[in-house]
N, C-alpha and C. Protein backbone atom coordinates (compact mmCIF):
# COMPACT_ATOMS: atom_id res chain seq x y z
N MET A 1 0.95 -1.20 -0.03
CA MET A 1 -0.01 -0.04 0.13
C MET A 1 0.85 1.30 0.05
N SER A 2 0.60 2.21 -0.78
CA SER A 2 1.31 3.41 -0.90
C SER A 2 1.11 4.30 0.41
N ILE A 3 2.13 5.28 0.61
CA ILE A 3 1.99 6.08 1.82
C ILE A 3 0.64 6.91 1.69
N THR A 4 0.31 7.36 0.56
CA THR A 4 -0.94 8.21 0.36
C THR A 4 -2.11 7.33 0.76
N LYS A 5 -2.20 6.05 0.13
CA LYS A 5 -3.31 5.31 0.43
C LYS A 5 -3.35 4.87 1.92
N ASN A 6 -2.17 4.58 2.52
CA ASN A 6 -2.16 4.21 3.98
C ASN A 6 -2.58 5.26 4.79
N LEU A 7 -2.29 6.61 4.59
CA LEU A 7 -2.75 7.70 5.29
C LEU A 7 -4.27 7.89 5.18
N GLN A 8 -4.74 7.73 3.96
CA GLN A 8 -6.19 7.95 3.72
C GLN A 8 -6.96 6.94 4.52
N PHE A 9 -6.46 5.62 4.49
CA PHE A 9 -7.03 4.50 5.15
C PHE A 9 -7.10 4.86 6.84
N ILE A 10 -5.93 5.22 7.29
CA ILE A 10 -5.86 5.38 8.74
C ILE A 10 -6.68 6.64 9.13
N GLN A 11 -6.76 7.75 8.38
CA GLN A 11 -7.50 8.85 8.65
C GLN A 11 -9.10 8.50 8.70
N SER A 12 -9.40 7.61 7.70
CA SER A 12 -10.82 7.24 7.68
C SER A 12 -11.20 6.44 8.77
N GLN A 13 -10.35 5.85 9.61
CA GLN A 13 -10.82 4.91 10.71
C GLN A 13 -10.73 5.70 12.05
N LEU A 14 -9.95 6.83 12.06
CA LEU A 14 -9.73 7.53 13.42
C LEU A 14 -10.99 8.44 13.60
N PRO A 15 -11.33 8.55 14.99
CA PRO A 15 -12.42 9.49 15.26
C PRO A 15 -11.76 10.99 15.02
N GLN A 16 -12.71 12.00 14.77
CA GLN A 16 -12.23 13.38 14.37
C GLN A 16 -11.41 13.98 15.40
N GLN A 17 -11.53 13.73 16.59
CA GLN A 17 -10.84 14.51 17.61
C GLN A 17 -9.47 13.86 17.86
N VAL A 18 -9.06 12.65 17.12
CA VAL A 18 -7.81 12.23 17.26
C VAL A 18 -6.84 12.89 16.31
N THR A 19 -5.63 13.14 16.84
CA THR A 19 -4.55 13.74 16.10
C THR A 19 -3.47 12.57 15.67
N LEU A 20 -3.23 12.67 14.42
CA LEU A 20 -2.31 11.65 13.94
C LEU A 20 -0.97 12.24 13.74
N VAL A 21 0.05 11.50 14.31
CA VAL A 21 1.38 11.94 14.09
C VAL A 21 1.97 10.85 13.22
N ALA A 22 2.65 11.24 12.10
CA ALA A 22 3.40 10.38 11.26
C ALA A 22 4.81 10.30 11.70
N VAL A 23 4.98 9.09 12.28
CA VAL A 23 6.33 8.73 12.82
C VAL A 23 7.21 8.42 11.51
N SER A 24 8.04 9.46 11.22
CA SER A 24 8.94 9.33 10.08
C SER A 24 10.34 9.08 10.17
N LYS A 25 10.67 8.53 11.38
CA LYS A 25 12.04 8.19 11.76
C LYS A 25 12.67 7.12 10.79
N THR A 26 13.94 7.40 10.39
CA THR A 26 14.62 6.55 9.41
C THR A 26 14.14 6.70 8.02
N LYS A 27 12.89 7.30 7.69
CA LYS A 27 12.36 7.38 6.55
C LYS A 27 13.10 8.54 5.48
N PRO A 28 13.24 8.29 4.25
CA PRO A 28 13.84 9.43 3.51
C PRO A 28 12.90 10.55 3.24
N VAL A 29 13.46 11.72 2.89
CA VAL A 29 12.70 12.92 2.70
C VAL A 29 11.68 12.66 1.74
N CYS A 30 11.81 11.95 0.55
CA CYS A 30 10.86 11.71 -0.55
C CYS A 30 9.64 11.08 0.10
N ASP A 31 9.81 10.15 1.13
CA ASP A 31 8.59 9.54 1.70
C ASP A 31 7.81 10.51 2.46
N LEU A 32 8.47 11.41 3.25
CA LEU A 32 7.81 12.57 4.03
C LEU A 32 7.19 13.42 3.05
N LEU A 33 7.73 13.86 1.93
CA LEU A 33 7.09 14.76 0.99
C LEU A 33 5.68 14.10 0.44
N GLU A 34 5.73 12.77 0.25
CA GLU A 34 4.55 12.06 -0.35
C GLU A 34 3.49 12.22 0.83
N ALA A 35 3.82 12.05 1.97
CA ALA A 35 2.84 12.14 3.01
C ALA A 35 2.40 13.63 3.17
N TYR A 36 3.24 14.60 3.05
CA TYR A 36 2.90 15.91 3.06
C TYR A 36 1.92 16.22 1.92
N GLN A 37 2.25 15.78 0.72
CA GLN A 37 1.33 16.08 -0.26
C GLN A 37 0.03 15.40 -0.11
N ALA A 38 -0.14 14.48 0.65
CA ALA A 38 -1.40 13.78 1.01
C ALA A 38 -2.10 14.43 2.14
N GLY A 39 -1.52 15.52 2.72
CA GLY A 39 -2.16 16.39 3.63
C GLY A 39 -1.51 16.23 5.00
N GLN A 40 -0.60 15.34 5.32
CA GLN A 40 -0.01 15.22 6.62
C GLN A 40 0.91 16.21 6.91
N ARG A 41 0.61 16.90 8.24
CA ARG A 41 1.39 18.15 8.63
C ARG A 41 2.07 17.92 9.87
N ILE A 42 1.93 16.77 10.56
CA ILE A 42 2.61 16.65 11.83
C ILE A 42 3.47 15.27 11.67
N PHE A 43 4.80 15.44 11.94
CA PHE A 43 5.78 14.37 11.84
C PHE A 43 6.43 14.21 13.21
N GLY A 44 6.73 13.03 13.40
CA GLY A 44 7.54 12.66 14.74
C GLY A 44 8.76 12.01 14.40
N GLU A 45 9.86 12.48 14.96
CA GLU A 45 11.25 11.82 14.89
C GLU A 45 11.74 11.55 16.24
N ASN A 46 12.67 10.63 16.21
CA ASN A 46 13.25 10.15 17.60
C ASN A 46 14.71 10.49 17.67
N LYS A 47 15.26 11.11 16.63
CA LYS A 47 16.72 11.51 16.61
C LYS A 47 16.76 12.99 16.27
N ILE A 48 17.40 13.80 17.11
CA ILE A 48 17.39 15.23 16.87
C ILE A 48 18.16 15.52 15.58
N GLN A 49 19.32 14.87 15.41
CA GLN A 49 19.96 15.29 14.22
C GLN A 49 19.27 15.13 12.90
N GLU A 50 18.68 13.91 12.84
CA GLU A 50 17.88 13.45 11.67
C GLU A 50 16.69 14.46 11.54
N MET A 51 16.06 14.88 12.61
CA MET A 51 14.85 15.76 12.51
C MET A 51 15.38 17.04 12.03
N THR A 52 16.52 17.60 12.51
CA THR A 52 17.06 18.89 12.10
C THR A 52 17.19 18.81 10.57
N GLU A 53 17.91 17.76 10.06
CA GLU A 53 18.24 17.79 8.69
C GLU A 53 16.88 17.72 7.80
N LYS A 54 15.90 16.99 8.24
CA LYS A 54 14.65 17.02 7.51
C LYS A 54 13.83 18.29 7.70
N TRP A 55 13.97 19.03 8.89
CA TRP A 55 13.39 20.28 8.95
C TRP A 55 13.88 21.26 7.99
N GLN A 56 15.28 21.22 7.78
CA GLN A 56 15.89 22.08 6.85
C GLN A 56 15.42 21.95 5.38
N GLN A 57 14.99 20.68 5.04
CA GLN A 57 14.68 20.33 3.63
C GLN A 57 13.20 20.32 3.37
N MET A 58 12.32 20.39 4.45
CA MET A 58 10.81 20.17 4.23
C MET A 58 10.13 21.56 4.40
N PRO A 59 9.01 21.68 3.92
CA PRO A 59 8.14 22.94 4.01
C PRO A 59 8.07 23.38 5.31
N LYS A 60 7.88 24.59 5.60
CA LYS A 60 8.03 25.14 6.99
C LYS A 60 6.70 25.26 7.84
N ASP A 61 5.60 24.71 7.09
CA ASP A 61 4.27 24.66 7.79
C ASP A 61 4.05 23.37 8.54
N ILE A 62 5.25 22.52 8.53
CA ILE A 62 5.15 21.21 9.35
C ILE A 62 5.31 21.44 10.82
N GLU A 63 4.49 20.75 11.56
CA GLU A 63 4.76 20.62 13.19
C GLU A 63 5.79 19.53 13.27
N TRP A 64 6.81 19.72 14.01
CA TRP A 64 7.84 18.68 14.24
C TRP A 64 7.72 18.25 15.71
N HIS A 65 7.44 17.04 15.91
CA HIS A 65 7.41 16.47 17.28
C HIS A 65 8.53 15.56 17.52
N MET A 66 9.12 15.84 18.69
CA MET A 66 10.32 14.89 19.20
C MET A 66 9.73 13.72 20.06
N ILE A 67 9.74 12.53 19.45
CA ILE A 67 9.08 11.47 20.19
C ILE A 67 10.05 10.48 20.70
N GLY A 68 11.37 10.67 20.61
CA GLY A 68 12.25 9.68 21.16
C GLY A 68 12.76 10.19 22.53
N HIS A 69 13.55 9.25 23.17
CA HIS A 69 14.30 9.82 24.42
C HIS A 69 15.29 10.87 24.10
N VAL A 70 15.16 11.88 24.80
CA VAL A 70 16.05 13.17 24.60
C VAL A 70 17.23 13.14 25.52
N GLN A 71 18.31 13.43 25.04
CA GLN A 71 19.50 13.69 25.84
C GLN A 71 19.68 15.27 26.08
N SER A 72 19.86 15.63 27.22
CA SER A 72 19.95 16.98 27.65
C SER A 72 20.75 17.80 26.78
N ASN A 73 21.98 17.24 26.42
CA ASN A 73 23.00 17.96 25.69
C ASN A 73 22.64 18.21 24.26
N LYS A 74 21.49 17.67 23.69
CA LYS A 74 21.04 17.73 22.38
C LYS A 74 19.86 18.66 22.19
N VAL A 75 19.26 19.16 23.41
CA VAL A 75 18.10 20.07 23.41
C VAL A 75 18.36 21.23 22.47
N LYS A 76 19.52 21.82 22.64
CA LYS A 76 19.65 23.16 21.99
C LYS A 76 19.46 23.03 20.54
N TYR A 77 19.70 22.05 19.85
CA TYR A 77 19.65 21.83 18.40
C TYR A 77 18.16 21.74 17.83
N MET A 78 17.20 21.51 18.71
CA MET A 78 15.84 21.56 18.25
C MET A 78 14.88 22.55 18.74
N VAL A 79 15.37 23.33 19.63
CA VAL A 79 14.46 24.32 20.16
C VAL A 79 14.02 25.39 19.21
N PRO A 80 14.97 25.77 18.36
CA PRO A 80 14.43 26.76 17.25
C PRO A 80 13.14 26.43 16.55
N TYR A 81 12.85 25.15 16.33
CA TYR A 81 11.78 24.75 15.60
C TYR A 81 10.79 23.75 16.04
N VAL A 82 11.22 23.03 17.14
CA VAL A 82 10.27 21.82 17.44
C VAL A 82 9.02 22.45 18.12
N LYS A 83 7.86 21.83 17.79
CA LYS A 83 6.54 22.15 18.27
C LYS A 83 6.10 21.49 19.57
N LEU A 84 6.49 20.20 19.73
CA LEU A 84 6.08 19.43 20.89
C LEU A 84 7.22 18.46 21.25
N ILE A 85 7.65 18.33 22.50
CA ILE A 85 8.49 17.31 22.93
C ILE A 85 7.74 16.36 23.78
N HIS A 86 7.78 15.06 23.22
CA HIS A 86 6.99 13.99 23.90
C HIS A 86 7.48 13.45 25.12
N GLY A 87 8.77 13.04 25.07
CA GLY A 87 9.28 12.00 26.10
C GLY A 87 10.00 12.86 27.16
N VAL A 88 9.57 13.67 27.89
CA VAL A 88 10.31 14.37 28.99
C VAL A 88 10.01 13.52 30.27
N ASP A 89 11.12 12.86 30.72
CA ASP A 89 11.02 11.94 31.80
C ASP A 89 11.85 12.23 33.02
N SER A 90 12.32 13.56 33.20
CA SER A 90 13.07 13.98 34.29
C SER A 90 13.06 15.35 34.42
N LEU A 91 13.26 15.86 35.71
CA LEU A 91 13.26 17.26 36.01
C LEU A 91 14.58 17.81 35.35
N LYS A 92 15.63 17.09 35.41
CA LYS A 92 16.92 17.63 34.70
C LYS A 92 16.72 18.05 33.33
N LEU A 93 15.96 17.10 32.58
CA LEU A 93 15.85 17.38 31.13
C LEU A 93 14.77 18.55 30.99
N LEU A 94 13.77 18.63 31.79
CA LEU A 94 12.85 19.75 31.71
C LEU A 94 13.57 21.06 31.97
N LYS A 95 14.53 20.97 32.92
CA LYS A 95 15.29 22.26 33.26
C LYS A 95 16.08 22.74 32.09
N GLU A 96 16.71 21.77 31.43
CA GLU A 96 17.41 22.15 30.14
C GLU A 96 16.62 22.72 29.05
N ILE A 97 15.44 22.09 28.97
CA ILE A 97 14.49 22.55 27.79
C ILE A 97 14.17 23.99 28.12
N ASN A 98 13.74 24.41 29.33
CA ASN A 98 13.52 25.64 29.71
C ASN A 98 14.53 26.59 29.59
N ARG A 99 15.76 26.26 29.87
CA ARG A 99 17.02 26.97 29.85
C ARG A 99 17.28 27.44 28.33
N GLN A 100 17.21 26.44 27.36
CA GLN A 100 17.24 26.89 26.05
C GLN A 100 16.13 27.58 25.55
N ALA A 101 14.91 27.32 25.94
CA ALA A 101 13.85 28.19 25.57
C ALA A 101 13.93 29.60 25.91
N VAL A 102 14.48 29.82 26.97
CA VAL A 102 14.77 31.24 27.55
C VAL A 102 15.79 31.87 26.68
N ARG A 103 16.76 31.16 26.31
CA ARG A 103 17.86 31.58 25.39
C ARG A 103 17.33 31.96 24.08
N TRP A 104 16.43 31.18 23.53
CA TRP A 104 15.77 31.44 22.20
C TRP A 104 14.60 32.35 22.32
N ARG A 105 14.18 32.70 23.45
CA ARG A 105 12.93 33.65 23.70
C ARG A 105 11.74 32.80 23.06
N LYS A 106 11.52 31.50 23.41
CA LYS A 106 10.51 30.77 22.93
C LYS A 106 9.76 30.12 24.10
N ASN A 107 8.46 29.63 23.87
CA ASN A 107 7.85 28.78 24.70
C ASN A 107 7.74 27.45 24.03
N ILE A 108 8.06 26.42 24.78
CA ILE A 108 8.07 24.99 24.40
C ILE A 108 7.07 24.14 25.03
N ASN A 109 6.10 23.54 24.29
CA ASN A 109 5.28 22.68 24.82
C ASN A 109 5.87 21.26 24.93
N CYS A 110 5.53 20.68 26.15
CA CYS A 110 6.16 19.26 26.43
C CYS A 110 5.00 18.33 26.98
N LEU A 111 5.37 17.05 26.75
CA LEU A 111 4.51 16.08 27.40
C LEU A 111 5.40 15.39 28.47
N LEU A 112 4.90 15.09 29.57
CA LEU A 112 5.62 14.27 30.61
C LEU A 112 5.37 12.80 30.24
N GLN A 113 6.52 12.04 30.25
CA GLN A 113 6.27 10.68 29.87
C GLN A 113 6.12 9.88 31.15
N ILE A 114 5.02 9.07 31.23
CA ILE A 114 4.65 8.24 32.31
C ILE A 114 5.01 6.71 31.96
N HIS A 115 5.50 6.03 32.84
CA HIS A 115 5.82 4.60 32.66
C HIS A 115 4.59 3.80 32.90
N ILE A 116 4.10 3.31 31.74
CA ILE A 116 2.80 2.52 31.82
C ILE A 116 2.98 0.97 31.43
N ALA A 117 4.17 0.77 30.70
CA ALA A 117 4.35 -0.52 30.18
C ALA A 117 4.81 -1.56 31.25
N GLU A 118 4.65 -2.74 31.11
CA GLU A 118 5.34 -3.83 31.85
C GLU A 118 6.65 -4.15 31.44
N GLU A 119 7.16 -3.51 30.29
CA GLU A 119 8.57 -3.69 29.99
C GLU A 119 9.26 -2.77 30.81
N GLU A 120 10.47 -3.14 31.34
CA GLU A 120 11.34 -2.25 32.11
C GLU A 120 12.10 -1.44 31.23
N THR A 121 12.28 -1.76 29.96
CA THR A 121 13.08 -0.93 29.06
C THR A 121 12.42 0.30 28.69
N LYS A 122 11.12 0.51 28.92
CA LYS A 122 10.56 1.67 28.66
C LYS A 122 10.92 2.88 29.59
N PHE A 123 11.09 4.00 29.06
CA PHE A 123 11.34 5.16 29.88
C PHE A 123 10.12 5.79 30.46
N GLY A 124 10.23 6.51 31.58
CA GLY A 124 9.01 7.21 31.99
C GLY A 124 9.04 7.48 33.50
N LEU A 125 8.38 8.42 34.15
CA LEU A 125 8.21 8.74 35.45
C LEU A 125 7.23 7.80 36.12
N ASN A 126 7.41 7.36 37.33
CA ASN A 126 6.42 6.73 38.07
C ASN A 126 5.56 7.84 38.76
N GLU A 127 4.48 7.37 39.36
CA GLU A 127 3.56 8.38 39.91
C GLU A 127 4.15 9.13 41.11
N LYS A 128 5.02 8.61 41.84
CA LYS A 128 5.70 9.41 42.98
C LYS A 128 6.60 10.49 42.33
N GLU A 129 7.35 9.98 41.17
CA GLU A 129 8.24 10.97 40.63
C GLU A 129 7.50 12.05 39.94
N LEU A 130 6.33 11.80 39.46
CA LEU A 130 5.49 12.71 38.66
C LEU A 130 5.05 13.80 39.72
N GLU A 131 4.50 13.27 40.82
CA GLU A 131 4.00 14.18 41.88
C GLU A 131 5.07 15.21 42.47
N GLU A 132 6.31 14.50 42.68
CA GLU A 132 7.42 15.32 43.18
C GLU A 132 7.83 16.34 42.18
N LEU A 133 7.77 16.07 40.85
CA LEU A 133 8.34 17.09 39.90
C LEU A 133 7.28 18.18 39.79
N LEU A 134 5.95 17.84 39.72
CA LEU A 134 4.94 18.84 39.51
C LEU A 134 4.89 19.83 40.71
N HIS A 135 5.26 19.29 41.93
CA HIS A 135 5.02 20.20 43.11
C HIS A 135 6.53 20.86 43.51
N SER A 136 7.52 20.56 42.84
CA SER A 136 8.86 21.10 43.10
C SER A 136 8.89 22.56 42.83
N GLU A 137 9.81 23.28 43.67
CA GLU A 137 9.85 24.74 43.49
C GLU A 137 10.66 24.95 42.33
N GLU A 138 11.54 24.17 41.78
CA GLU A 138 12.14 24.38 40.50
C GLU A 138 11.17 24.52 39.34
N PHE A 139 10.37 23.44 39.34
CA PHE A 139 9.20 23.51 38.28
C PHE A 139 8.47 24.61 38.17
N LYS A 140 8.07 25.26 39.39
CA LYS A 140 7.31 26.54 39.44
C LYS A 140 7.97 27.74 38.82
N THR A 141 9.27 27.59 38.82
CA THR A 141 9.91 28.70 38.20
C THR A 141 10.29 28.73 36.81
N MET A 142 9.82 27.60 36.15
CA MET A 142 10.17 27.47 34.69
C MET A 142 9.00 28.28 33.91
N THR A 143 9.51 29.30 33.37
CA THR A 143 8.64 30.22 32.54
C THR A 143 8.42 30.00 31.23
N ASN A 144 9.34 29.18 30.66
CA ASN A 144 9.33 29.08 29.04
C ASN A 144 8.99 27.74 28.61
N ILE A 145 8.39 26.87 29.45
CA ILE A 145 7.96 25.45 29.10
C ILE A 145 6.49 25.42 29.52
N LYS A 146 5.68 24.57 28.86
CA LYS A 146 4.39 24.39 29.28
C LYS A 146 4.11 22.83 29.24
N ILE A 147 3.72 22.22 30.11
CA ILE A 147 3.25 20.83 30.17
C ILE A 147 1.72 20.68 29.67
N VAL A 148 1.57 20.29 28.40
CA VAL A 148 0.28 20.19 27.86
C VAL A 148 -0.31 18.87 27.98
N GLY A 149 0.37 17.87 28.55
CA GLY A 149 -0.21 16.46 28.42
C GLY A 149 0.77 15.48 29.00
N LEU A 150 0.23 14.34 29.05
CA LEU A 150 0.96 13.12 29.37
C LEU A 150 0.99 12.10 28.34
N MET A 151 2.26 11.39 28.28
CA MET A 151 2.28 10.38 27.28
C MET A 151 2.79 9.07 27.77
N GLY A 152 2.54 8.05 27.11
CA GLY A 152 3.07 6.66 27.66
C GLY A 152 3.28 5.72 26.44
N MET A 153 4.29 4.86 26.58
CA MET A 153 4.50 3.90 25.61
C MET A 153 3.89 2.44 26.11
N ALA A 154 3.17 1.99 25.19
CA ALA A 154 2.51 0.56 25.49
C ALA A 154 3.55 -0.47 25.40
N THR A 155 3.29 -1.53 26.10
CA THR A 155 4.16 -2.76 25.84
C THR A 155 4.05 -3.23 24.41
N PHE A 156 5.08 -3.76 23.85
CA PHE A 156 5.05 -4.20 22.59
C PHE A 156 4.47 -5.66 22.59
N THR A 157 3.20 -5.71 22.37
CA THR A 157 2.44 -7.11 22.54
C THR A 157 1.15 -7.05 21.72
N ASP A 158 0.66 -8.16 21.39
CA ASP A 158 -0.62 -8.39 20.76
C ASP A 158 -1.80 -8.51 21.73
N ASN A 159 -1.35 -8.58 22.91
CA ASN A 159 -2.33 -8.79 24.13
C ASN A 159 -3.09 -7.43 24.21
N GLN A 160 -4.39 -7.44 23.64
CA GLN A 160 -5.17 -6.16 23.67
C GLN A 160 -5.69 -5.81 25.20
N GLU A 161 -5.92 -6.87 25.83
CA GLU A 161 -6.37 -6.44 27.31
C GLU A 161 -5.20 -5.75 28.11
N GLN A 162 -3.96 -6.24 27.84
CA GLN A 162 -2.82 -5.75 28.57
C GLN A 162 -2.68 -4.29 28.24
N ILE A 163 -2.83 -4.00 26.86
CA ILE A 163 -2.69 -2.62 26.24
C ILE A 163 -3.82 -1.69 26.83
N LYS A 164 -5.00 -2.18 26.93
CA LYS A 164 -6.07 -1.42 27.52
C LYS A 164 -5.80 -0.96 28.88
N ARG A 165 -5.29 -2.04 29.67
CA ARG A 165 -4.90 -1.67 31.21
C ARG A 165 -3.82 -0.60 31.17
N GLU A 166 -2.90 -0.63 30.32
CA GLU A 166 -1.69 0.36 30.37
C GLU A 166 -2.29 1.79 29.89
N PHE A 167 -3.04 1.71 28.90
CA PHE A 167 -3.66 3.03 28.50
C PHE A 167 -4.67 3.66 29.54
N ASN A 168 -5.46 2.78 30.02
CA ASN A 168 -6.37 3.17 31.01
C ASN A 168 -5.66 3.79 32.22
N HIS A 169 -4.53 3.23 32.64
CA HIS A 169 -3.73 3.68 33.76
C HIS A 169 -3.25 5.12 33.29
N LEU A 170 -2.85 5.37 32.14
CA LEU A 170 -2.38 6.71 31.90
C LEU A 170 -3.47 7.68 31.88
N LYS A 171 -4.67 7.27 31.50
CA LYS A 171 -5.88 8.22 31.56
C LYS A 171 -6.13 8.47 33.07
N VAL A 172 -6.03 7.45 34.03
CA VAL A 172 -6.46 7.69 35.39
C VAL A 172 -5.35 8.66 35.97
N VAL A 173 -4.19 8.64 35.61
CA VAL A 173 -3.15 9.62 36.09
C VAL A 173 -3.39 11.06 35.49
N PHE A 174 -3.74 11.04 34.27
CA PHE A 174 -4.14 12.25 33.67
C PHE A 174 -5.36 12.95 34.37
N ASP A 175 -6.37 12.23 34.62
CA ASP A 175 -7.54 12.78 35.33
C ASP A 175 -7.15 13.31 36.76
N GLN A 176 -6.24 12.64 37.37
CA GLN A 176 -5.80 13.11 38.60
C GLN A 176 -5.12 14.42 38.75
N TYR A 177 -4.49 14.79 37.67
CA TYR A 177 -3.79 15.99 37.58
C TYR A 177 -4.41 17.12 36.71
N LYS A 178 -5.38 16.81 35.88
CA LYS A 178 -5.82 17.75 34.86
C LYS A 178 -6.39 19.09 35.58
N THR A 179 -6.85 19.00 36.77
CA THR A 179 -7.50 20.17 37.39
C THR A 179 -6.32 20.98 38.09
N LEU A 180 -5.15 20.41 38.18
CA LEU A 180 -4.08 21.22 38.60
C LEU A 180 -3.51 22.22 37.74
N GLN A 181 -4.06 23.33 37.54
CA GLN A 181 -3.72 24.34 36.39
C GLN A 181 -2.77 25.47 36.95
N THR A 182 -1.54 25.54 36.36
CA THR A 182 -0.68 26.67 36.64
C THR A 182 -0.19 27.25 35.33
N PRO A 183 0.53 28.37 35.37
CA PRO A 183 1.01 28.92 34.16
C PRO A 183 1.78 28.04 33.29
N ASN A 184 2.41 26.96 33.83
CA ASN A 184 3.24 26.11 32.99
C ASN A 184 2.77 24.64 33.15
N LEU A 185 1.49 24.44 33.60
CA LEU A 185 0.90 23.14 33.67
C LEU A 185 -0.46 23.24 33.25
N GLN A 186 -0.87 22.74 32.08
CA GLN A 186 -2.21 22.89 31.52
C GLN A 186 -2.44 21.60 30.77
N LEU A 187 -2.79 20.51 31.50
CA LEU A 187 -2.99 19.24 30.82
C LEU A 187 -4.27 19.28 29.77
N GLN A 188 -4.02 18.99 28.61
CA GLN A 188 -5.14 19.07 27.68
C GLN A 188 -5.26 17.74 26.95
N THR A 189 -4.24 16.98 26.99
CA THR A 189 -4.32 15.70 26.22
C THR A 189 -3.46 14.60 26.77
N THR A 190 -3.69 13.43 26.22
CA THR A 190 -2.89 12.20 26.53
C THR A 190 -2.42 11.65 25.07
N TRP A 191 -1.17 11.32 24.93
CA TRP A 191 -0.58 10.71 23.75
C TRP A 191 -0.16 9.31 24.01
N LEU A 192 -0.51 8.47 23.04
CA LEU A 192 -0.12 7.00 23.27
C LEU A 192 0.64 6.52 22.16
N GLY A 193 1.74 5.86 22.59
CA GLY A 193 2.73 5.29 21.62
C GLY A 193 2.39 3.75 21.48
N ALA A 194 1.93 3.37 20.26
CA ALA A 194 1.68 1.99 20.11
C ALA A 194 1.64 1.75 18.58
N SER A 195 1.40 0.51 18.08
CA SER A 195 1.46 0.09 16.69
C SER A 195 0.11 0.54 16.08
N GLN A 196 0.22 0.74 14.72
CA GLN A 196 -0.91 1.16 13.96
C GLN A 196 -2.15 0.16 14.20
N GLY A 197 -1.92 -1.14 14.13
CA GLY A 197 -3.09 -2.08 14.30
C GLY A 197 -3.63 -2.03 15.69
N THR A 198 -2.91 -1.64 16.83
CA THR A 198 -3.26 -1.46 18.17
C THR A 198 -4.20 -0.34 18.28
N LEU A 199 -3.90 0.73 17.61
CA LEU A 199 -4.63 2.05 17.76
C LEU A 199 -5.97 1.71 16.95
N LEU A 200 -5.84 1.26 15.77
CA LEU A 200 -7.17 1.14 14.95
C LEU A 200 -8.07 0.15 15.50
N SER A 201 -7.51 -0.91 16.24
CA SER A 201 -8.43 -1.98 16.76
C SER A 201 -9.06 -1.40 18.14
N TRP A 202 -8.34 -0.61 18.81
CA TRP A 202 -8.91 -0.30 20.23
C TRP A 202 -9.37 1.12 20.33
N TRP A 203 -8.89 2.12 19.64
CA TRP A 203 -9.23 3.59 19.93
C TRP A 203 -10.35 4.01 19.13
N GLN A 204 -11.18 3.09 18.49
CA GLN A 204 -12.45 3.52 17.79
C GLN A 204 -13.20 4.33 18.82
N GLY A 205 -13.69 5.51 18.59
CA GLY A 205 -14.54 6.21 19.53
C GLY A 205 -13.80 6.87 20.68
N SER A 206 -12.61 6.74 20.85
CA SER A 206 -11.82 7.35 21.83
C SER A 206 -11.87 8.79 21.81
N GLN A 207 -11.73 9.31 23.14
CA GLN A 207 -11.69 10.89 23.26
C GLN A 207 -10.16 11.17 23.27
N THR A 208 -9.30 10.40 23.27
CA THR A 208 -8.00 10.54 23.46
C THR A 208 -7.15 10.68 22.13
N PRO A 209 -6.28 11.76 21.92
CA PRO A 209 -5.38 11.74 20.73
C PRO A 209 -4.46 10.60 20.85
N ALA A 210 -3.98 10.24 19.64
CA ALA A 210 -2.95 9.13 19.65
C ALA A 210 -1.91 9.33 18.58
N CYS A 211 -0.69 8.80 18.78
CA CYS A 211 0.23 8.98 17.78
C CYS A 211 0.50 7.61 17.25
N ASP A 212 0.98 7.60 15.89
CA ASP A 212 1.02 6.30 15.17
C ASP A 212 1.93 6.34 13.99
N PRO A 213 2.73 5.39 13.84
CA PRO A 213 3.72 5.41 12.75
C PRO A 213 2.93 5.04 11.45
N VAL A 214 3.13 5.87 10.43
CA VAL A 214 2.42 5.75 9.17
C VAL A 214 3.37 5.72 7.87
N ALA A 215 4.47 6.43 8.08
CA ALA A 215 5.31 6.65 6.84
C ALA A 215 6.22 5.75 6.83
């Protein structure tokens, strides 16, 4: 199936309120351009250097999302153009994002990554770490970042019940904190990392935006 037809099929299956991120990591620019011509405007990359190279070559109305694990020393390279950083999993990383955002006089939207999978290899904050971060004095002083949601990576499995449990856990944590509104904390969404088949089979009618590899 071509990229264009694949995108059209996926879009036809998703509820209107779901946002689709085309995970374009390792794909050549020609593939991204085909997806762009088909109407896709949000792309996700997991390596900052690769994302920067593609940003330089692609149309400038694209939203670039950083969906991979972020190293603090690489943050400065993406701050000029990145729209949303998905995998923020520590106070140290958040401090560096804010520092670079201040330097560039920008405001950066971020998602805090919550560990929801049964796989220990997945990154993410546990609930205690999340609470400590959000109530820390350092977080309150960060003026150039905004936490707009939570994200989680599902276990790589075909077990639909397990995936449901993991996604439901993310939603429970989101509901717990969504009323805690501050200038740099305004939870609006949850983002879910999973395979295309998982999302299409389970998120029919969901109220929760999702991200999915399509390119």
